[in-house]
Amino acid sequence: MPDDPLAWAKAQLKRAPPIDIFEPDGTRRTDLPDWVKLLSQMDDVMHAFEKHRKLEAESFNKAKTLSKEQYLAERKRDIGIPIWQMEHWKEVQARATTALYGEAPVFERFWHFWTNHFMVAPGNQNNDTLIGPYQRSLREKMTGDFHALLWHATTHPAMLVYLDNNTNTGPRSRAALQKWTTNSINENLGRELLELFSLSPEGGYSQKDVEAVTLILTGWREMRPDKHHKPGVPLGTYFDFNHHEPGSQVVLGKTYSALFRPSAKLEDLIADLAVHPATAKHLARKLCVYFMDDEPPAAAVRHVEQVFLQTKGHLPSVHEAVLEMCWEHLGSTRKFMSPETWLLQTWTLMGVAPPRTAPLDDRGGLKTMNVMGDLGQPLPRCPQPNGWPIRSVDWISKEMLDRRVRFMAVVTRDWLQKESRPRQVLNQLCEQHFIASSPELALIRQQMAKNDWRSAHSLFHASPTLLWS
């Protein structure tokens, strides 16, 4: 424990630390083949995205000539293992090992918040290869202001594809009038930009505002290395004026136009939304709910909101304000840990590393992303754009608790096979986390007296004290 925990935590917010698949000693894995390494460069990401699309098309064409068994076997070999499994395995493995062994665990907790706030998950456009690179790209923006983060997240190819903005076409655009496409308006991103990413419904926007934002977003799409790729045009985000709705749009009473800069409407809208008082209020409360309590102290929310407004959304300052409020209200607030946070805590206290088994074949063994799924949070397969629940109440149920107890029964069995001093280790953990009169401690010690280390260890990690932070 550092002498000054608050200063220790704040010091981790100034820069984005590296993320990779780490060993417990903090070194990066060097034994991984090239196709398992994390994609970062936009050209590589978009080529991987296009490759997935082509593989899907080829697979459906082959289905006409293959038996069902052959078809399923080839899809598993060509798409299932390398894309549906390995693309997500390596990203979840990097996320977990960086949180455990990287240089800034507090930064990682805030990164988990922002990847959840700007949710992108596997969808119906074969976007699996875009998700991990997108989530990791948010890290560098966390050391600047919210304006830059909001712009980056909204216009990243992963978001444009996930929320179908790449089909969002203005009804009076050149593409629509000349019938180059049958696509029309798609409100997905326009609605989430207002509802989830910035103002929230409390911001007072109307359906007409959603429609106007949707028109402003027309033409923002991804550029892939396909037959439509224009020479010299960078891969990634692309603004296609031919699909954009011409003219001006009015959002929250302000007119947005693009007389001199084709992309000006969205740029100006994002700039306004990023510093809007409703955005500050929404984000302040959401951060405090995520880190402090389902009903955080009103004074804490106000403090974070004021820092956001005073600094125009400078994220390191906002994050510091959150930490200050967490420390100040430590004795009166508590959060029930999400499956991911609880799992990382469990591995830390047990002193064991996440399982290394990769889904390359039908070998057994625990896999990190499958464990997350068993616990109820199957990263990155979030079922809705508003992200994983951030309220304690949404994670508390008999089923969810049973899943954690069952997981502990499995990992404790393996832990006991390697741990030569279970009594000493458990005694030390209990002294660190329980007060002497705790009924939880009494129950654990009953099992220790019976030399039932498996039950005692499972009870420790599944105790209320260890489930709440």
Protein backbone atom coordinates (compact mmCIF):
# COMPACT_ATOMS: atom_id res chain seq x y z
CA MET A 1 0.00 0.00 0.00
CA PRO A 2 1.53 3.38 -0.96
CA ASP A 3 1.97 6.01 1.75
CA ASP A 4 -0.35 8.39 -0.10
CA PRO A 5 -2.89 6.30 -2.07
CA LEU A 6 -4.62 9.32 -3.60
CA ALA A 7 -1.37 10.79 -4.93
CA TRP A 8 -0.35 7.34 -6.19
CA ALA A 9 -3.65 7.01 -8.08
CA LYS A 10 -3.56 10.54 -9.53
CA ALA A 11 -0.03 10.06 -10.84
CA GLN A 12 -1.29 7.34 -13.18
CA LEU A 13 -3.59 9.64 -15.15
CA LYS A 14 -1.05 11.84 -16.95
CA ARG A 15 -0.13 9.52 -19.81
CA ALA A 16 -1.52 6.51 -21.62
CA PRO A 17 0.60 3.48 -20.66
CA PRO A 18 1.32 0.72 -23.18
CA ILE A 19 -1.18 -2.10 -23.53
CA ASP A 20 -0.24 -5.58 -24.63
CA ILE A 21 -0.35 -9.21 -23.53
CA PHE A 22 1.92 -9.10 -20.48
CA GLU A 23 3.70 -11.64 -18.34
CA PRO A 24 3.33 -11.40 -14.53
CA ASP A 25 6.76 -9.72 -14.31
CA GLY A 26 5.50 -6.85 -16.49
CA THR A 27 7.27 -7.89 -19.70
CA ARG A 28 5.42 -8.33 -22.96
CA ARG A 29 4.76 -11.76 -24.41
CA THR A 30 7.33 -12.50 -27.11
CA ASP A 31 6.24 -16.00 -28.06
CA LEU A 32 3.11 -15.02 -29.98
CA PRO A 33 2.92 -15.46 -33.76
CA ASP A 34 2.37 -12.36 -35.87
CA TRP A 35 -1.30 -13.07 -36.47
CA VAL A 36 -1.95 -13.04 -32.71
CA LYS A 37 -0.31 -9.65 -32.15
CA LEU A 38 -2.53 -6.64 -31.59
CA LEU A 39 -3.46 -4.56 -34.63
CA SER A 40 -2.95 -0.82 -34.21
CA GLN A 41 -2.22 0.88 -37.54
CA MET A 42 -5.40 1.93 -39.35
CA ASP A 43 -4.27 0.37 -42.65
CA ASP A 44 -3.78 -2.99 -40.95
CA VAL A 45 -7.12 -2.71 -39.16
CA MET A 46 -9.06 -1.90 -42.32
CA HIS A 47 -7.35 -4.64 -44.30
CA ALA A 48 -8.31 -7.13 -41.57
CA PHE A 49 -11.89 -5.82 -41.68
CA GLU A 50 -12.07 -6.23 -45.45
CA LYS A 51 -10.54 -9.71 -45.23
CA HIS A 52 -13.29 -10.74 -42.81
CA ARG A 53 -15.96 -9.43 -45.18
CA LYS A 54 -14.47 -11.34 -48.10
CA LEU A 55 -14.20 -14.54 -46.07
CA GLU A 56 -17.87 -14.26 -45.16
CA ALA A 57 -18.88 -13.78 -48.80
CA GLU A 58 -16.71 -16.69 -49.95
CA SER A 59 -18.11 -18.90 -47.20
CA PHE A 60 -21.72 -18.25 -48.22
CA ASN A 61 -20.84 -18.99 -51.86
CA LYS A 62 -19.19 -22.28 -50.87
CA ALA A 63 -22.32 -23.28 -48.97
CA LYS A 64 -23.99 -24.01 -52.32
CA THR A 65 -21.51 -26.79 -53.10
CA LEU A 66 -20.60 -28.19 -49.66
CA SER A 67 -22.39 -30.50 -47.30
CA LYS A 68 -23.57 -28.97 -44.03
CA GLU A 69 -20.75 -30.67 -42.13
CA GLN A 70 -18.11 -29.46 -44.59
CA TYR A 71 -19.56 -25.95 -44.57
CA LEU A 72 -19.52 -25.69 -40.77
CA ALA A 73 -16.02 -27.13 -40.57
CA GLU A 74 -14.66 -24.62 -43.08
CA ARG A 75 -16.39 -21.68 -41.38
CA LYS A 76 -14.89 -22.74 -38.06
CA ARG A 77 -11.41 -23.03 -39.61
CA ASP A 78 -11.46 -19.84 -41.72
CA ILE A 79 -13.67 -17.52 -39.66
CA GLY A 80 -14.71 -19.02 -36.34
CA ILE A 81 -11.27 -19.63 -34.82
CA PRO A 82 -9.13 -16.85 -36.36
CA ILE A 83 -11.76 -14.07 -36.16
CA TRP A 84 -14.69 -14.83 -33.86
CA GLN A 85 -12.38 -16.43 -31.31
CA MET A 86 -8.76 -15.26 -31.64
CA GLU A 87 -9.47 -11.60 -32.40
CA HIS A 88 -11.43 -11.30 -29.18
CA TRP A 89 -9.21 -13.64 -27.15
CA LYS A 90 -6.09 -11.57 -27.74
CA GLU A 91 -7.88 -8.31 -26.93
CA VAL A 92 -9.42 -9.63 -23.71
CA GLN A 93 -6.07 -11.19 -22.77
CA ALA A 94 -4.32 -7.85 -23.31
CA ARG A 95 -7.00 -6.01 -21.35
CA ALA A 96 -6.70 -8.38 -18.39
CA THR A 97 -2.92 -8.73 -18.25
CA THR A 98 -2.37 -4.99 -18.69
CA ALA A 99 -4.73 -4.28 -15.81
CA LEU A 100 -2.91 -6.85 -13.65
CA TYR A 101 0.72 -6.31 -14.65
CA GLY A 102 0.82 -2.97 -16.45
CA GLU A 103 2.23 0.19 -14.93
CA ALA A 104 -1.02 2.07 -14.24
CA PRO A 105 -3.97 0.01 -12.93
CA VAL A 106 -5.94 3.17 -12.06
CA PHE A 107 -5.67 4.36 -15.66
CA GLU A 108 -7.01 0.97 -16.75
CA ARG A 109 -10.12 1.40 -14.59
CA PHE A 110 -10.89 4.72 -16.29
CA TRP A 111 -10.21 3.15 -19.68
CA HIS A 112 -12.71 0.42 -18.84
CA PHE A 113 -15.23 3.17 -18.08
CA TRP A 114 -14.72 4.94 -21.42
CA THR A 115 -14.79 1.75 -23.51
CA ASN A 116 -18.11 1.04 -21.81
CA HIS A 117 -19.39 4.58 -22.34
CA PHE A 118 -18.48 4.53 -26.04
CA MET A 119 -19.59 0.94 -26.53
CA VAL A 120 -18.79 -0.96 -29.72
CA ALA A 121 -19.56 -4.68 -29.80
CA PRO A 122 -19.78 -7.42 -32.45
CA GLY A 123 -22.70 -6.68 -34.75
CA ASN A 124 -24.20 -7.64 -38.07
CA GLN A 125 -21.52 -6.05 -40.29
CA ASN A 126 -18.63 -8.44 -39.53
CA ASN A 127 -16.93 -5.80 -37.38
CA ASP A 128 -15.02 -8.16 -35.04
CA THR A 129 -11.56 -7.01 -36.16
CA LEU A 130 -12.42 -3.34 -35.57
CA ILE A 131 -13.43 -3.56 -31.90
CA GLY A 132 -10.13 -4.12 -30.11
CA PRO A 133 -8.13 -1.54 -32.11
CA TYR A 134 -10.94 0.99 -31.58
CA GLN A 135 -11.07 0.44 -27.83
CA ARG A 136 -7.30 0.74 -27.52
CA SER A 137 -7.28 3.91 -29.62
CA LEU A 138 -9.39 5.66 -26.96
CA ARG A 139 -6.49 5.48 -24.51
CA GLU A 140 -4.43 8.28 -26.07
CA LYS A 141 -7.46 10.58 -26.06
CA MET A 142 -7.95 10.11 -22.31
CA THR A 143 -5.05 12.49 -21.59
CA GLY A 144 -6.69 15.36 -23.48
CA ASP A 145 -10.15 16.89 -23.39
CA PHE A 146 -13.54 15.28 -23.83
CA HIS A 147 -14.05 17.09 -27.13
CA ALA A 148 -11.18 15.13 -28.73
CA LEU A 149 -12.40 11.86 -27.20
CA LEU A 150 -15.99 12.42 -28.33
CA TRP A 151 -14.90 13.27 -31.87
CA HIS A 152 -12.57 10.29 -32.08
CA ALA A 153 -15.10 7.80 -30.74
CA THR A 154 -17.98 9.09 -32.86
CA THR A 155 -16.09 9.14 -36.16
CA HIS A 156 -13.98 6.00 -35.74
CA PRO A 157 -14.74 3.36 -38.41
CA ALA A 158 -15.67 0.89 -35.66
CA MET A 159 -18.43 3.18 -34.36
CA LEU A 160 -19.64 4.13 -37.84
CA VAL A 161 -19.99 0.46 -38.73
CA TYR A 162 -21.37 -0.72 -35.37
CA LEU A 163 -24.22 1.82 -35.39
CA ASP A 164 -24.79 1.50 -39.17
CA ASN A 165 -23.84 5.08 -39.98
CA ASN A 166 -22.01 3.78 -43.04
CA THR A 167 -25.48 3.27 -44.55
CA ASN A 168 -26.82 6.63 -43.34
CA THR A 169 -27.60 8.48 -46.58
CA GLY A 170 -29.29 11.84 -47.01
CA PRO A 171 -32.61 11.70 -48.91
CA ARG A 172 -31.57 14.75 -50.96
CA SER A 173 -27.97 13.64 -51.40
CA ARG A 174 -26.53 13.09 -54.85
CA ALA A 175 -26.28 9.33 -54.18
CA ALA A 176 -29.99 9.12 -53.32
CA LEU A 177 -31.24 11.40 -56.11
CA GLN A 178 -29.25 9.56 -58.77
CA LYS A 179 -30.20 6.18 -57.24
CA TRP A 180 -26.63 5.05 -56.65
CA THR A 181 -27.87 3.39 -53.47
CA THR A 182 -31.05 2.15 -51.86
CA ASN A 183 -29.79 3.21 -48.42
CA SER A 184 -31.57 5.98 -46.60
CA ILE A 185 -31.66 7.56 -43.15
CA ASN A 186 -30.34 5.59 -40.18
CA GLU A 187 -30.79 7.24 -36.78
CA ASN A 188 -28.70 4.85 -34.70
CA LEU A 189 -25.59 6.98 -34.27
CA GLY A 190 -27.48 10.27 -34.23
CA ARG A 191 -29.64 9.11 -31.35
CA GLU A 192 -26.79 7.58 -29.33
CA LEU A 193 -24.62 10.65 -29.80
CA LEU A 194 -27.23 12.68 -27.92
CA GLU A 195 -28.68 10.04 -25.59
CA LEU A 196 -25.62 8.07 -24.51
CA PHE A 197 -22.43 9.89 -25.42
CA SER A 198 -23.19 13.51 -24.50
CA LEU A 199 -26.38 15.23 -23.29
CA SER A 200 -28.48 12.28 -22.06
CA PRO A 201 -32.30 12.56 -22.23
CA GLU A 202 -32.16 15.08 -19.38
CA GLY A 203 -30.48 17.46 -21.82
CA GLY A 204 -33.88 18.32 -23.26
CA TYR A 205 -33.36 17.39 -26.90
CA SER A 206 -36.32 16.41 -29.08
CA GLN A 207 -36.95 13.89 -31.84
CA LYS A 208 -36.41 16.72 -34.32
CA ASP A 209 -32.94 17.21 -32.84
CA VAL A 210 -32.22 13.50 -33.32
CA GLU A 211 -33.34 13.76 -36.94
CA ALA A 212 -31.17 16.83 -37.51
CA VAL A 213 -28.10 15.17 -35.97
CA THR A 214 -28.75 12.13 -38.14
CA LEU A 215 -28.70 14.31 -41.26
CA ILE A 216 -25.48 15.95 -40.12
CA LEU A 217 -23.95 12.48 -39.80
CA THR A 218 -24.94 11.38 -43.32
CA GLY A 219 -21.95 10.57 -45.49
CA TRP A 220 -19.63 9.71 -42.60
CA ARG A 221 -18.54 6.17 -43.39
CA GLU A 222 -15.55 3.85 -43.45
CA MET A 223 -13.04 3.58 -46.30
CA ARG A 224 -11.99 -0.01 -46.89
CA PRO A 225 -9.42 -1.42 -49.33
CA ASP A 226 -12.15 -2.65 -51.70
CA LYS A 227 -13.03 -1.86 -55.30
CA HIS A 228 -14.45 1.52 -54.25
CA HIS A 229 -11.23 2.66 -52.60
CA LYS A 230 -10.06 5.87 -54.22
CA PRO A 231 -6.30 6.14 -54.81
CA GLY A 232 -4.67 8.45 -52.33
CA VAL A 233 -7.59 8.38 -49.90
CA PRO A 234 -6.46 7.07 -46.49
CA LEU A 235 -8.15 3.99 -45.15
CA GLY A 236 -10.33 4.46 -42.10
CA THR A 237 -12.83 7.27 -41.61
CA TYR A 238 -14.11 8.92 -44.78
CA PHE A 239 -16.57 11.74 -45.37
CA ASP A 240 -18.46 11.13 -48.61
CA PHE A 241 -20.23 14.34 -49.59
CA ASN A 242 -22.16 12.46 -52.28
CA HIS A 243 -24.07 10.65 -49.49
CA HIS A 244 -24.38 13.72 -47.28
CA GLU A 245 -27.61 15.66 -46.86
CA PRO A 246 -27.01 19.18 -48.26
CA GLY A 247 -28.18 22.36 -46.60
CA SER A 248 -28.33 23.36 -42.95
CA GLN A 249 -29.71 21.57 -39.89
CA VAL A 250 -30.88 22.97 -36.56
CA VAL A 251 -29.96 21.21 -33.30
CA LEU A 252 -31.05 22.61 -29.94
CA GLY A 253 -31.88 25.89 -31.63
CA LYS A 254 -28.50 26.34 -33.33
CA THR A 255 -28.04 26.18 -37.10
CA TYR A 256 -25.20 24.07 -38.48
CA SER A 257 -24.05 24.60 -42.06
CA ALA A 258 -21.05 23.76 -44.23
CA LEU A 259 -20.52 26.57 -46.69
CA PHE A 260 -16.73 26.40 -46.72
CA ARG A 261 -15.81 23.12 -45.00
CA PRO A 262 -17.77 20.00 -46.03
CA SER A 263 -17.18 18.38 -42.64
CA ALA A 264 -17.87 21.56 -40.65
CA LYS A 265 -21.38 20.64 -39.51
CA LEU A 266 -20.31 17.59 -37.55
CA GLU A 267 -17.13 19.22 -36.29
CA ASP A 268 -19.06 22.18 -34.92
CA LEU A 269 -21.80 19.99 -33.44
CA ILE A 270 -19.31 17.76 -31.62
CA ALA A 271 -17.50 20.84 -30.28
CA ASP A 272 -20.76 22.19 -28.84
CA LEU A 273 -21.97 18.91 -27.39
CA ALA A 274 -18.62 18.24 -25.72
CA VAL A 275 -18.82 21.34 -23.49
CA HIS A 276 -22.60 21.52 -23.04
CA PRO A 277 -23.66 21.82 -19.37
CA ALA A 278 -25.97 18.81 -19.80
CA THR A 279 -23.00 16.75 -20.98
CA ALA A 280 -20.98 17.78 -17.94
CA LYS A 281 -23.84 16.85 -15.62
CA HIS A 282 -24.47 13.52 -17.35
CA LEU A 283 -20.82 12.45 -17.34
CA ALA A 284 -20.21 13.62 -13.76
CA ARG A 285 -23.09 11.52 -12.46
CA LYS A 286 -22.18 8.52 -14.59
CA LEU A 287 -18.56 8.59 -13.41
CA CYS A 288 -19.64 8.84 -9.78
CA VAL A 289 -22.14 6.00 -10.16
CA TYR A 290 -19.49 3.85 -11.85
CA PHE A 291 -16.78 4.45 -9.26
CA MET A 292 -18.65 5.29 -6.05
CA ASP A 293 -22.25 4.26 -5.51
CA ASP A 294 -25.57 3.73 -7.27
CA GLU A 295 -26.68 6.89 -5.50
CA PRO A 296 -23.49 8.91 -5.16
CA PRO A 297 -23.36 11.92 -2.85
CA ALA A 298 -24.81 14.98 -4.57
CA ALA A 299 -21.80 17.03 -3.48
CA ALA A 300 -19.46 14.57 -5.22
CA VAL A 301 -21.40 14.77 -8.47
CA ARG A 302 -21.44 18.58 -8.29
CA HIS A 303 -17.68 18.71 -7.72
CA VAL A 304 -16.90 16.53 -10.73
CA GLU A 305 -19.40 18.51 -12.83
CA GLN A 306 -17.81 21.81 -11.83
CA VAL A 307 -14.31 20.57 -12.66
CA PHE A 308 -15.58 19.41 -16.05
CA LEU A 309 -17.08 22.83 -16.78
CA GLN A 310 -14.14 24.83 -15.41
CA THR A 311 -11.56 22.87 -17.41
CA LYS A 312 -13.77 22.47 -20.51
CA GLY A 313 -13.69 18.73 -20.13
CA HIS A 314 -9.97 18.23 -19.47
CA LEU A 315 -10.10 14.52 -18.73
CA PRO A 316 -7.09 14.10 -16.41
CA SER A 317 -8.56 16.89 -14.23
CA VAL A 318 -12.00 15.28 -14.31
CA HIS A 319 -10.53 11.89 -13.44
CA GLU A 320 -8.59 13.42 -10.55
CA ALA A 321 -11.82 14.96 -9.27
CA VAL A 322 -13.47 11.53 -9.34
CA LEU A 323 -10.60 10.05 -7.34
CA GLU A 324 -10.81 12.89 -4.81
CA MET A 325 -14.49 12.22 -4.29
CA CYS A 326 -13.93 8.47 -4.00
CA TRP A 327 -11.36 9.10 -1.27
CA GLU A 328 -13.42 11.71 0.53
CA HIS A 329 -16.54 9.55 0.64
CA LEU A 330 -14.80 6.20 1.09
CA GLY A 331 -16.59 5.38 4.31
CA SER A 332 -20.11 6.17 3.11
CA THR A 333 -20.20 4.73 -0.43
CA ARG A 334 -19.74 1.28 -1.91
CA LYS A 335 -19.98 -0.53 -5.24
CA PHE A 336 -20.76 -4.15 -6.00
CA MET A 337 -18.00 -5.24 -8.33
CA SER A 338 -18.74 -6.06 -11.94
CA PRO A 339 -17.61 -9.55 -12.99
CA GLU A 340 -14.51 -8.13 -14.67
CA THR A 341 -13.39 -6.04 -11.69
CA TRP A 342 -14.06 -8.87 -9.25
CA LEU A 343 -12.17 -11.36 -11.43
CA LEU A 344 -9.12 -9.08 -11.65
CA GLN A 345 -9.21 -8.65 -7.88
CA THR A 346 -9.45 -12.41 -7.39
CA TRP A 347 -6.45 -13.13 -9.59
CA THR A 348 -4.46 -10.43 -7.81
CA LEU A 349 -5.20 -11.75 -4.31
CA MET A 350 -4.59 -15.35 -5.35
CA GLY A 351 -1.30 -14.42 -6.99
CA VAL A 352 -2.17 -16.36 -10.13
CA ALA A 353 -2.11 -15.28 -13.76
CA PRO A 354 -5.04 -15.39 -16.17
CA PRO A 355 -5.18 -18.66 -18.11
CA ARG A 356 -2.93 -18.67 -21.16
CA THR A 357 -4.89 -21.20 -23.23
CA ALA A 358 -5.80 -19.78 -26.64
CA PRO A 359 -8.80 -21.04 -28.67
CA LEU A 360 -6.67 -22.36 -31.51
CA ASP A 361 -8.18 -25.85 -31.51
CA ASP A 362 -10.41 -28.04 -29.40
CA ARG A 363 -8.04 -28.22 -26.46
CA GLY A 364 -9.66 -27.82 -23.07
CA GLY A 365 -8.65 -25.47 -20.32
CA LEU A 366 -9.90 -22.14 -19.03
CA LYS A 367 -9.81 -19.18 -21.38
CA THR A 368 -10.05 -15.64 -20.04
CA MET A 369 -12.85 -14.48 -22.34
CA ASN A 370 -14.84 -17.66 -21.64
CA VAL A 371 -14.44 -17.14 -17.89
CA MET A 372 -15.81 -13.63 -18.36
CA GLY A 373 -18.76 -15.11 -20.21
CA ASP A 374 -19.40 -17.65 -17.46
CA LEU A 375 -19.44 -14.82 -14.92
CA GLY A 376 -22.02 -12.90 -16.95
CA GLN A 377 -19.89 -10.31 -18.76
CA PRO A 378 -18.76 -11.91 -22.05
CA LEU A 379 -16.33 -9.27 -23.32
CA PRO A 380 -16.62 -7.81 -25.88
CA ARG A 381 -20.10 -9.12 -26.68
CA CYS A 382 -22.16 -6.47 -24.93
CA PRO A 383 -25.81 -6.96 -25.91
CA GLN A 384 -26.71 -3.26 -26.19
CA PRO A 385 -25.07 0.07 -27.15
CA ASN A 386 -25.56 1.56 -23.69
CA GLY A 387 -22.83 -0.74 -22.37
CA TRP A 388 -22.55 -3.10 -19.44
CA PRO A 389 -24.54 -2.16 -16.32
CA ILE A 390 -22.78 0.30 -14.02
CA ARG A 391 -25.21 0.01 -11.11
CA SER A 392 -24.59 -2.50 -8.34
CA VAL A 393 -28.20 -3.62 -8.33
CA ASP A 394 -27.93 -4.86 -11.91
CA TRP A 395 -25.19 -7.34 -11.01
CA ILE A 396 -26.79 -8.74 -7.85
CA SER A 397 -28.91 -11.86 -8.32
CA LYS A 398 -28.86 -15.45 -7.13
CA GLU A 399 -27.69 -16.61 -10.54
CA MET A 400 -24.86 -14.09 -10.80
CA LEU A 401 -23.65 -14.87 -7.28
CA ASP A 402 -23.86 -18.59 -7.96
CA ARG A 403 -21.66 -18.15 -11.02
CA ARG A 404 -18.94 -16.52 -8.93
CA VAL A 405 -19.10 -19.22 -6.26
CA ARG A 406 -18.89 -21.95 -8.88
CA PHE A 407 -15.91 -20.24 -10.52
CA MET A 408 -14.14 -20.01 -7.15
CA ALA A 409 -14.69 -23.72 -6.57
CA VAL A 410 -12.85 -24.48 -9.82
CA VAL A 411 -9.93 -22.07 -9.46
CA THR A 412 -9.48 -22.85 -5.76
CA ARG A 413 -9.02 -26.51 -6.63
CA ASP A 414 -6.21 -25.57 -9.03
CA TRP A 415 -4.78 -23.04 -6.55
CA LEU A 416 -4.55 -25.64 -3.80
CA GLN A 417 -2.57 -27.95 -6.05
CA LYS A 418 0.14 -25.27 -6.29
CA GLU A 419 -0.14 -23.53 -2.90
CA SER A 420 1.96 -25.21 -0.20
CA ARG A 421 0.93 -22.86 2.64
CA PRO A 422 -2.83 -22.36 2.36
CA ARG A 423 -3.29 -21.65 6.09
CA GLN A 424 -0.66 -18.91 6.18
CA VAL A 425 -1.89 -17.33 2.96
CA LEU A 426 -5.53 -17.34 4.04
CA ASN A 427 -4.69 -16.00 7.49
CA GLN A 428 -2.76 -13.14 5.96
CA LEU A 429 -5.56 -12.31 3.51
CA CYS A 430 -8.17 -12.39 6.25
CA GLU A 431 -6.12 -10.09 8.49
CA GLN A 432 -5.81 -7.60 5.63
CA HIS A 433 -9.49 -7.54 4.68
CA PHE A 434 -11.63 -8.42 7.72
CA ILE A 435 -12.09 -6.95 11.14
CA ALA A 436 -11.79 -9.43 14.02
CA SER A 437 -15.51 -9.42 14.82
CA SER A 438 -16.61 -10.01 11.23
CA PRO A 439 -19.18 -12.84 10.87
CA GLU A 440 -17.62 -13.58 7.45
CA LEU A 441 -14.26 -14.19 9.13
CA ALA A 442 -15.86 -16.51 11.69
CA LEU A 443 -17.40 -18.62 8.94
CA ILE A 444 -14.12 -18.84 7.04
CA ARG A 445 -12.22 -19.83 10.18
CA GLN A 446 -14.73 -22.61 10.81
CA GLN A 447 -13.78 -24.15 7.47
CA MET A 448 -10.08 -23.60 8.16
CA ALA A 449 -10.44 -25.45 11.46
CA LYS A 450 -11.73 -28.43 9.46
CA ASN A 451 -8.76 -28.11 7.07
CA ASP A 452 -11.32 -27.50 4.34
CA TRP A 453 -9.14 -25.04 2.46
CA ARG A 454 -11.21 -25.19 -0.68
CA SER A 455 -14.38 -24.00 1.07
CA ALA A 456 -12.51 -21.45 3.16
CA HIS A 457 -10.78 -19.95 0.16
CA SER A 458 -13.98 -19.85 -1.87
CA LEU A 459 -15.86 -18.23 1.00
CA PHE A 460 -13.17 -15.57 1.31
CA HIS A 461 -13.36 -14.44 -2.33
CA ALA A 462 -17.16 -14.74 -2.48
CA SER A 463 -17.71 -12.92 0.82
CA PRO A 464 -19.65 -9.63 0.87
CA THR A 465 -16.49 -7.75 1.82
CA LEU A 466 -14.70 -8.98 -1.29
CA LEU A 467 -17.73 -8.52 -3.55
CA TRP A 468 -18.12 -4.85 -2.62
CA SER A 469 -15.54 -2.11 -3.01
